[in-house]
Amino acid sequence: MNFFTYLKGRLIVIPWLLVGGLVMTYLECRHCRVSPDTFLVVSSFIVTSWFFMWFGNEYLSEYLSEKIAWTKAPVKRFIWGIVATVVYTVAAITGLIYFFEAIYNRNFSSVEDTLLTTLAITLIINLFMTGRSFLINWRKTIVEAEKFQKESAIAKYESLKNQVNPHFLFNSFNALSNLVYEDPDKAVKFIKQLSDVYRYVLDTRDKEAVNLEEEHKFLEAYLFLQQIRFGDKLKLDVRLTQVKSMVAPLVLQMLVENAIKHNEISEDNPLTIRVYEDAGYIVVENNLQKKSLTLEDSPGIGLDNIVKRYAFLSDRKVEIRQEDRFLVKLPIIPVTAA
């Protein structure tokens, strides 16, 4: 954030600093009451000092909050805040004293006394700024948590809705009816995998993130159902066995489903979907052969939802690319005990 842009939004404080500096000069400096020249010099020094202390420390506080989040490292943020305040105050006041003495050729006071007084006042102001910054970030965290819960609930609802919509049920039961006569053993496995799909959706409806191993098993069950439906027209390459990560529940399935939903799948144009790890990301990609006309919903809403969900789970962003292939990269999240 540019300092002048920051200052522009706080112009309302300047008149109060000016009035406060003039009042403080009149009350604290007896010689200033009878000497306009002395009053002008001393008041300009006090107002300038207050300006540097107030805006400098507030800007420094917000800058540190951007670099060291209160919610992630409150002790570290507090210590760095105190250190930065002391260093900045000493440097600023020392510089101002020598600057004003050089300009007006006057001895304002000893540097030590001025520094001690200014440090005491500044630390009080810093405590106010620190409390204000903490409360703002705490409130922001609560708002973001509520927003995430809403986004997560919407995503889970959409995924559940997709699994129970008439298209999915019709295709699943149609494939099952054929299997009952052709391969009873495979039909039994089909029913088991279909049951696993629905059980996983219900089991994860209240979770923000799940272990990739669980998501992988769910994805395999879902892919088994789709493989029965499309056969060799759908080629799948999933390589996640050695990957350790947390993921937002149902995300991989949603990405695979989008690929199936919006691309042509035929013997002449088989669809290939790959899921693998690459440089700290879980990648889901497929070749592009978009349907000329589709009655299905646009994938844009689902992708936007995934991006928003991951904004709360990782500092890295979800990457989406579309050239000769459609590719979505989900940042790997360190495994927790959750």
Protein backbone atom coordinates (compact mmCIF):
# COMPACT_ATOMS: atom_id res chain seq x y z
CA MET A 1 0.00 0.00 0.00
CA ASN A 2 1.43 3.39 -1.01
CA PHE A 3 1.93 5.77 1.95
CA PHE A 4 0.38 8.75 0.18
CA THR A 5 -2.65 6.66 -0.81
CA TYR A 6 -2.91 5.59 2.81
CA LEU A 7 -2.59 9.22 4.00
CA LYS A 8 -5.24 10.45 1.58
CA GLY A 9 -7.96 8.48 3.33
CA ARG A 10 -7.09 9.94 6.74
CA LEU A 11 -7.03 13.68 6.06
CA ILE A 12 -9.74 14.23 8.67
CA VAL A 13 -7.19 13.54 11.43
CA ILE A 14 -4.84 16.35 10.36
CA PRO A 15 -6.97 19.27 11.70
CA TRP A 16 -7.23 17.52 15.09
CA LEU A 17 -3.46 17.03 15.22
CA LEU A 18 -2.99 20.70 14.34
CA VAL A 19 -5.40 21.94 17.02
CA GLY A 20 -3.97 19.53 19.61
CA GLY A 21 -0.41 20.66 18.87
CA LEU A 22 -1.30 24.33 19.25
CA VAL A 23 -3.12 23.72 22.54
CA MET A 24 -0.25 21.59 23.86
CA THR A 25 2.27 24.31 22.96
CA TYR A 26 0.27 26.97 24.76
CA LEU A 27 -0.17 24.87 27.90
CA GLU A 28 3.36 23.47 28.16
CA CYS A 29 5.54 26.35 26.89
CA ARG A 30 5.42 29.50 29.04
CA HIS A 31 7.77 31.47 26.80
CA CYS A 32 5.51 30.70 23.84
CA ARG A 33 2.65 32.65 25.44
CA VAL A 34 4.57 35.93 25.25
CA SER A 35 6.65 35.30 22.13
CA PRO A 36 4.77 34.65 18.85
CA ASP A 37 8.00 33.59 17.11
CA THR A 38 8.79 31.01 19.79
CA PHE A 39 5.19 29.79 19.74
CA LEU A 40 5.36 29.30 15.96
CA VAL A 41 8.63 27.38 16.10
CA VAL A 42 7.69 25.13 19.04
CA SER A 43 4.16 24.44 17.81
CA SER A 44 5.42 23.55 14.32
CA PHE A 45 7.84 21.07 15.90
CA ILE A 46 5.15 19.50 18.09
CA VAL A 47 2.59 19.27 15.26
CA THR A 48 5.17 17.76 12.90
CA SER A 49 6.22 15.24 15.57
CA TRP A 50 2.62 14.23 16.20
CA PHE A 51 2.06 13.90 12.47
CA PHE A 52 5.04 11.56 12.09
CA MET A 53 4.17 9.59 15.22
CA TRP A 54 0.47 9.12 14.47
CA PHE A 55 0.53 8.39 10.75
CA GLY A 56 3.93 6.69 10.72
CA ASN A 57 3.10 4.24 13.48
CA GLU A 58 -0.41 3.57 12.17
CA TYR A 59 0.96 2.85 8.69
CA LEU A 60 3.69 0.68 10.22
CA SER A 61 1.08 -1.21 12.26
CA GLU A 62 -1.07 -1.96 9.20
CA TYR A 63 1.98 -2.93 7.14
CA LEU A 64 3.09 -5.42 9.81
CA SER A 65 -0.45 -6.82 10.03
CA GLU A 66 -0.27 -7.58 6.30
CA LYS A 67 3.07 -9.36 6.69
CA ILE A 68 2.38 -11.10 10.02
CA ALA A 69 -1.26 -12.03 10.53
CA TRP A 70 -2.66 -11.54 14.03
CA THR A 71 -4.70 -14.73 13.71
CA LYS A 72 -1.67 -16.88 12.81
CA ALA A 73 1.13 -15.42 14.98
CA PRO A 74 -0.24 -12.95 17.57
CA VAL A 75 2.84 -13.03 19.87
CA LYS A 76 5.25 -12.55 16.98
CA ARG A 77 3.09 -9.74 15.60
CA PHE A 78 2.99 -8.00 19.01
CA ILE A 79 6.77 -8.23 19.57
CA TRP A 80 7.59 -6.97 16.09
CA GLY A 81 5.08 -4.17 16.57
CA ILE A 82 6.82 -2.94 19.76
CA VAL A 83 10.31 -3.24 18.24
CA ALA A 84 9.27 -1.43 15.05
CA THR A 85 7.57 1.34 17.06
CA VAL A 86 10.64 1.98 19.24
CA VAL A 87 13.07 1.96 16.31
CA TYR A 88 10.87 4.18 14.16
CA THR A 89 10.14 6.64 16.99
CA VAL A 90 13.81 7.03 17.96
CA ALA A 91 14.84 7.54 14.34
CA ALA A 92 12.01 9.93 13.51
CA ILE A 93 12.29 12.15 16.59
CA THR A 94 16.08 12.28 16.39
CA GLY A 95 15.86 13.30 12.76
CA LEU A 96 13.20 15.94 13.47
CA ILE A 97 15.19 17.48 16.33
CA TYR A 98 18.32 17.88 14.23
CA PHE A 99 16.28 19.11 11.27
CA PHE A 100 14.48 21.83 13.27
CA GLU A 101 17.65 22.86 15.07
CA ALA A 102 19.38 23.25 11.72
CA ILE A 103 16.48 25.21 10.20
CA TYR A 104 15.79 27.56 13.13
CA ASN A 105 19.26 27.51 14.74
CA ARG A 106 17.73 26.86 18.15
CA ASN A 107 18.25 24.26 20.87
CA PHE A 108 14.85 22.60 21.37
CA SER A 109 15.87 20.42 24.30
CA SER A 110 18.13 17.50 25.02
CA VAL A 111 17.62 14.64 22.63
CA GLU A 112 17.36 12.16 25.51
CA ASP A 113 14.50 13.93 27.28
CA THR A 114 12.56 14.45 24.07
CA LEU A 115 13.01 10.80 23.07
CA LEU A 116 11.85 9.48 26.43
CA THR A 117 8.74 11.66 26.45
CA THR A 118 7.91 10.88 22.85
CA LEU A 119 8.50 7.15 23.34
CA ALA A 120 6.14 7.06 26.30
CA ILE A 121 3.40 8.86 24.37
CA THR A 122 4.04 6.80 21.25
CA LEU A 123 3.87 3.48 23.10
CA ILE A 124 0.49 4.51 24.49
CA ILE A 125 -0.66 5.38 20.98
CA ASN A 126 0.82 2.12 19.71
CA LEU A 127 -1.18 0.12 22.24
CA PHE A 128 -4.28 1.83 20.90
CA MET A 129 -3.25 1.08 17.30
CA THR A 130 -2.40 -2.51 18.23
CA GLY A 131 -5.76 -3.06 19.91
CA ARG A 132 -7.54 -1.46 16.97
CA SER A 133 -5.61 -3.59 14.46
CA PHE A 134 -6.29 -6.76 16.45
CA LEU A 135 -10.02 -6.05 16.68
CA ILE A 136 -10.25 -5.23 12.96
CA ASN A 137 -8.46 -8.46 12.01
CA TRP A 138 -10.50 -10.48 14.51
CA ARG A 139 -13.71 -9.11 13.03
CA LYS A 140 -12.42 -9.76 9.52
CA THR A 141 -11.59 -13.36 10.47
CA ILE A 142 -15.11 -13.92 11.81
CA VAL A 143 -16.66 -12.49 8.63
CA GLU A 144 -14.38 -14.62 6.44
CA ALA A 145 -15.18 -17.73 8.50
CA GLU A 146 -18.91 -17.12 8.06
CA LYS A 147 -18.38 -16.51 4.35
CA PHE A 148 -16.38 -19.72 4.05
CA GLN A 149 -19.07 -21.72 5.82
CA LYS A 150 -21.62 -20.32 3.40
CA GLU A 151 -19.45 -21.08 0.37
CA SER A 152 -18.70 -24.56 1.69
CA ALA A 153 -22.37 -25.26 2.36
CA ILE A 154 -23.28 -24.12 -1.16
CA ALA A 155 -20.60 -26.32 -2.69
CA LYS A 156 -21.70 -29.37 -0.73
CA TYR A 157 -25.31 -28.71 -1.60
CA GLU A 158 -24.44 -28.40 -5.28
CA SER A 159 -22.44 -31.61 -5.20
CA LEU A 160 -25.20 -33.49 -3.40
CA LYS A 161 -27.77 -32.04 -5.81
CA ASN A 162 -25.67 -33.22 -8.75
CA GLN A 163 -25.50 -36.72 -7.33
CA VAL A 164 -29.25 -37.03 -6.80
CA ASN A 165 -30.41 -35.21 -9.92
CA PRO A 166 -32.51 -37.20 -12.40
CA HIS A 167 -29.70 -37.34 -14.98
CA PHE A 168 -27.23 -38.98 -12.62
CA LEU A 169 -29.80 -41.41 -11.21
CA PHE A 170 -31.16 -42.28 -14.64
CA ASN A 171 -27.69 -42.93 -16.06
CA SER A 172 -26.64 -44.94 -13.01
CA PHE A 173 -29.77 -47.12 -12.95
CA ASN A 174 -29.66 -47.59 -16.72
CA ALA A 175 -26.08 -48.82 -16.48
CA LEU A 176 -27.04 -51.02 -13.52
CA SER A 177 -29.97 -52.60 -15.36
CA ASN A 178 -27.64 -53.66 -18.18
CA LEU A 179 -25.10 -55.06 -15.73
CA VAL A 180 -27.66 -57.18 -13.88
CA TYR A 181 -28.06 -59.38 -16.95
CA GLU A 182 -24.57 -59.12 -18.42
CA ASP A 183 -22.38 -59.31 -15.30
CA PRO A 184 -24.15 -59.87 -11.96
CA ASP A 185 -20.90 -59.71 -9.99
CA LYS A 186 -20.04 -56.33 -11.47
CA ALA A 187 -23.61 -55.19 -10.79
CA VAL A 188 -23.11 -55.97 -7.11
CA LYS A 189 -19.91 -53.94 -7.11
CA PHE A 190 -21.70 -51.12 -8.94
CA ILE A 191 -24.35 -50.96 -6.19
CA LYS A 192 -21.61 -50.96 -3.54
CA GLN A 193 -19.75 -48.09 -5.23
CA LEU A 194 -22.97 -46.12 -5.71
CA SER A 195 -23.67 -46.56 -2.00
CA ASP A 196 -20.12 -45.40 -1.15
CA VAL A 197 -20.63 -42.24 -3.22
CA TYR A 198 -23.74 -41.20 -1.32
CA ARG A 199 -22.33 -42.17 2.07
CA TYR A 200 -19.21 -40.06 1.51
CA VAL A 201 -21.28 -37.02 0.47
CA LEU A 202 -23.32 -37.32 3.66
CA ASP A 203 -20.28 -38.02 5.90
CA THR A 204 -18.37 -34.93 4.71
CA ARG A 205 -21.23 -32.42 4.61
CA ASP A 206 -20.02 -30.70 7.81
CA LYS A 207 -16.26 -30.82 7.11
CA GLU A 208 -14.12 -27.97 5.78
CA ALA A 209 -11.30 -30.25 4.62
CA VAL A 210 -10.63 -33.97 4.44
CA ASN A 211 -7.58 -36.12 3.94
CA LEU A 212 -6.74 -36.69 0.27
CA GLU A 213 -6.75 -40.44 0.91
CA GLU A 214 -10.47 -40.30 1.76
CA GLU A 215 -11.24 -38.09 -1.23
CA HIS A 216 -9.23 -40.42 -3.46
CA LYS A 217 -11.31 -43.44 -2.41
CA PHE A 218 -14.51 -41.49 -3.05
CA LEU A 219 -13.22 -40.38 -6.45
CA GLU A 220 -12.42 -43.99 -7.38
CA ALA A 221 -15.99 -45.02 -6.50
CA TYR A 222 -17.40 -42.19 -8.60
CA LEU A 223 -15.06 -42.96 -11.50
CA PHE A 224 -16.05 -46.63 -11.40
CA LEU A 225 -19.67 -45.62 -12.01
CA GLN A 226 -18.67 -43.37 -14.90
CA GLN A 227 -16.36 -45.98 -16.38
CA ILE A 228 -19.23 -48.50 -16.46
CA ARG A 229 -21.35 -45.92 -18.24
CA PHE A 230 -18.80 -44.80 -20.87
CA GLY A 231 -16.41 -47.76 -21.13
CA ASP A 232 -13.33 -47.14 -23.28
CA LYS A 233 -14.71 -43.77 -24.40
CA LEU A 234 -13.63 -42.36 -21.04
CA LYS A 235 -9.94 -42.73 -20.22
CA LEU A 236 -8.85 -42.09 -16.64
CA ASP A 237 -5.37 -41.63 -15.24
CA VAL A 238 -5.35 -40.95 -11.48
CA ARG A 239 -1.99 -40.84 -9.71
CA LEU A 240 -2.47 -39.70 -6.13
CA THR A 241 -1.26 -42.70 -4.14
CA GLN A 242 1.93 -41.06 -2.84
CA VAL A 243 0.47 -37.56 -2.36
CA LYS A 244 -0.10 -36.32 1.20
CA SER A 245 -2.54 -33.43 1.43
CA MET A 246 -5.83 -32.13 2.75
CA VAL A 247 -8.50 -31.15 0.22
CA ALA A 248 -11.87 -29.49 0.24
CA PRO A 249 -14.39 -32.37 0.19
CA LEU A 250 -16.01 -33.27 -3.16
CA VAL A 251 -13.76 -30.88 -5.12
CA LEU A 252 -12.00 -33.52 -7.23
CA GLN A 253 -15.31 -35.16 -8.07
CA MET A 254 -16.80 -31.80 -9.09
CA LEU A 255 -13.87 -31.12 -11.44
CA VAL A 256 -14.10 -34.58 -13.02
CA GLU A 257 -17.87 -34.21 -13.33
CA ASN A 258 -17.45 -30.85 -15.07
CA ALA A 259 -15.10 -32.45 -17.59
CA ILE A 260 -17.60 -35.23 -18.31
CA LYS A 261 -20.55 -32.86 -18.40
CA HIS A 262 -19.16 -30.29 -20.83
CA ASN A 263 -17.10 -32.36 -23.26
CA GLU A 264 -18.02 -34.75 -26.03
CA ILE A 265 -17.34 -38.40 -25.16
CA SER A 266 -17.43 -40.85 -28.03
CA GLU A 267 -15.43 -43.66 -29.63
CA ASP A 268 -14.02 -41.23 -32.18
CA ASN A 269 -13.32 -38.58 -29.53
CA PRO A 270 -12.57 -40.25 -26.19
CA LEU A 271 -12.21 -37.99 -23.18
CA THR A 272 -9.01 -38.33 -21.16
CA ILE A 273 -8.98 -37.07 -17.58
CA ARG A 274 -5.75 -36.98 -15.60
CA VAL A 275 -5.40 -36.33 -11.86
CA TYR A 276 -1.85 -36.02 -10.52
CA GLU A 277 0.54 -34.02 -8.35
CA ASP A 278 2.86 -31.38 -9.79
CA ALA A 279 5.09 -28.92 -7.94
CA GLY A 280 2.95 -28.61 -4.84
CA TYR A 281 -0.40 -28.74 -6.62
CA ILE A 282 -3.02 -31.40 -7.30
CA VAL A 283 -3.80 -31.10 -10.99
CA VAL A 284 -7.01 -32.13 -12.75
CA GLU A 285 -6.80 -31.82 -16.52
CA ASN A 286 -8.67 -33.05 -19.57
CA ASN A 287 -8.49 -32.64 -23.33
CA LEU A 288 -10.90 -30.06 -24.74
CA GLN A 289 -13.70 -31.21 -27.04
CA LYS A 290 -16.60 -29.07 -25.90
CA LYS A 291 -20.16 -30.02 -26.69
CA SER A 292 -21.71 -27.73 -29.29
CA LEU A 293 -24.93 -27.61 -27.28
CA THR A 294 -25.54 -28.57 -23.68
CA LEU A 295 -28.49 -28.28 -21.36
CA GLU A 296 -26.27 -28.66 -18.31
CA ASP A 297 -25.35 -25.80 -16.04
CA SER A 298 -22.26 -23.77 -16.79
CA PRO A 299 -19.13 -24.92 -14.94
CA GLY A 300 -18.26 -21.29 -14.11
CA ILE A 301 -20.28 -21.21 -10.90
CA GLY A 302 -18.72 -24.43 -9.60
CA LEU A 303 -15.18 -23.29 -10.43
CA ASP A 304 -15.74 -19.92 -8.78
CA ASN A 305 -17.01 -21.70 -5.70
CA ILE A 306 -13.91 -23.89 -5.57
CA VAL A 307 -11.65 -20.84 -5.88
CA LYS A 308 -13.43 -19.13 -2.97
CA ARG A 309 -13.31 -22.22 -0.78
CA TYR A 310 -9.57 -22.63 -1.29
CA ALA A 311 -9.00 -18.95 -0.51
CA PHE A 312 -9.79 -19.87 3.11
CA LEU A 313 -7.78 -23.09 3.12
CA SER A 314 -4.51 -21.95 1.52
CA ASP A 315 -2.43 -18.83 0.92
CA ARG A 316 -1.86 -19.99 -2.65
CA LYS A 317 -4.54 -19.49 -5.26
CA VAL A 318 -6.30 -22.09 -7.37
CA GLU A 319 -4.97 -21.88 -10.94
CA ILE A 320 -7.27 -22.40 -13.94
CA ARG A 321 -5.90 -22.64 -17.48
CA GLN A 322 -7.59 -23.33 -20.78
CA GLU A 323 -5.59 -23.74 -23.98
CA ASP A 324 -5.46 -27.04 -25.83
CA ARG A 325 -6.36 -28.64 -22.51
CA PHE A 326 -8.50 -27.57 -19.56
CA LEU A 327 -6.48 -27.62 -16.35
CA VAL A 328 -7.23 -26.80 -12.70
CA LYS A 329 -4.45 -26.74 -10.09
CA LEU A 330 -5.41 -27.08 -6.42
CA PRO A 331 -2.71 -26.11 -3.90
CA ILE A 332 -1.58 -28.94 -1.65
CA ILE A 333 -2.58 -28.30 1.97
CA PRO A 334 -0.42 -29.78 4.78
CA VAL A 335 -2.05 -32.77 6.46
CA THR A 336 -3.56 -32.09 9.88
CA ALA A 337 -5.08 -34.32 12.52
CA ALA A 338 -8.59 -33.12 11.56
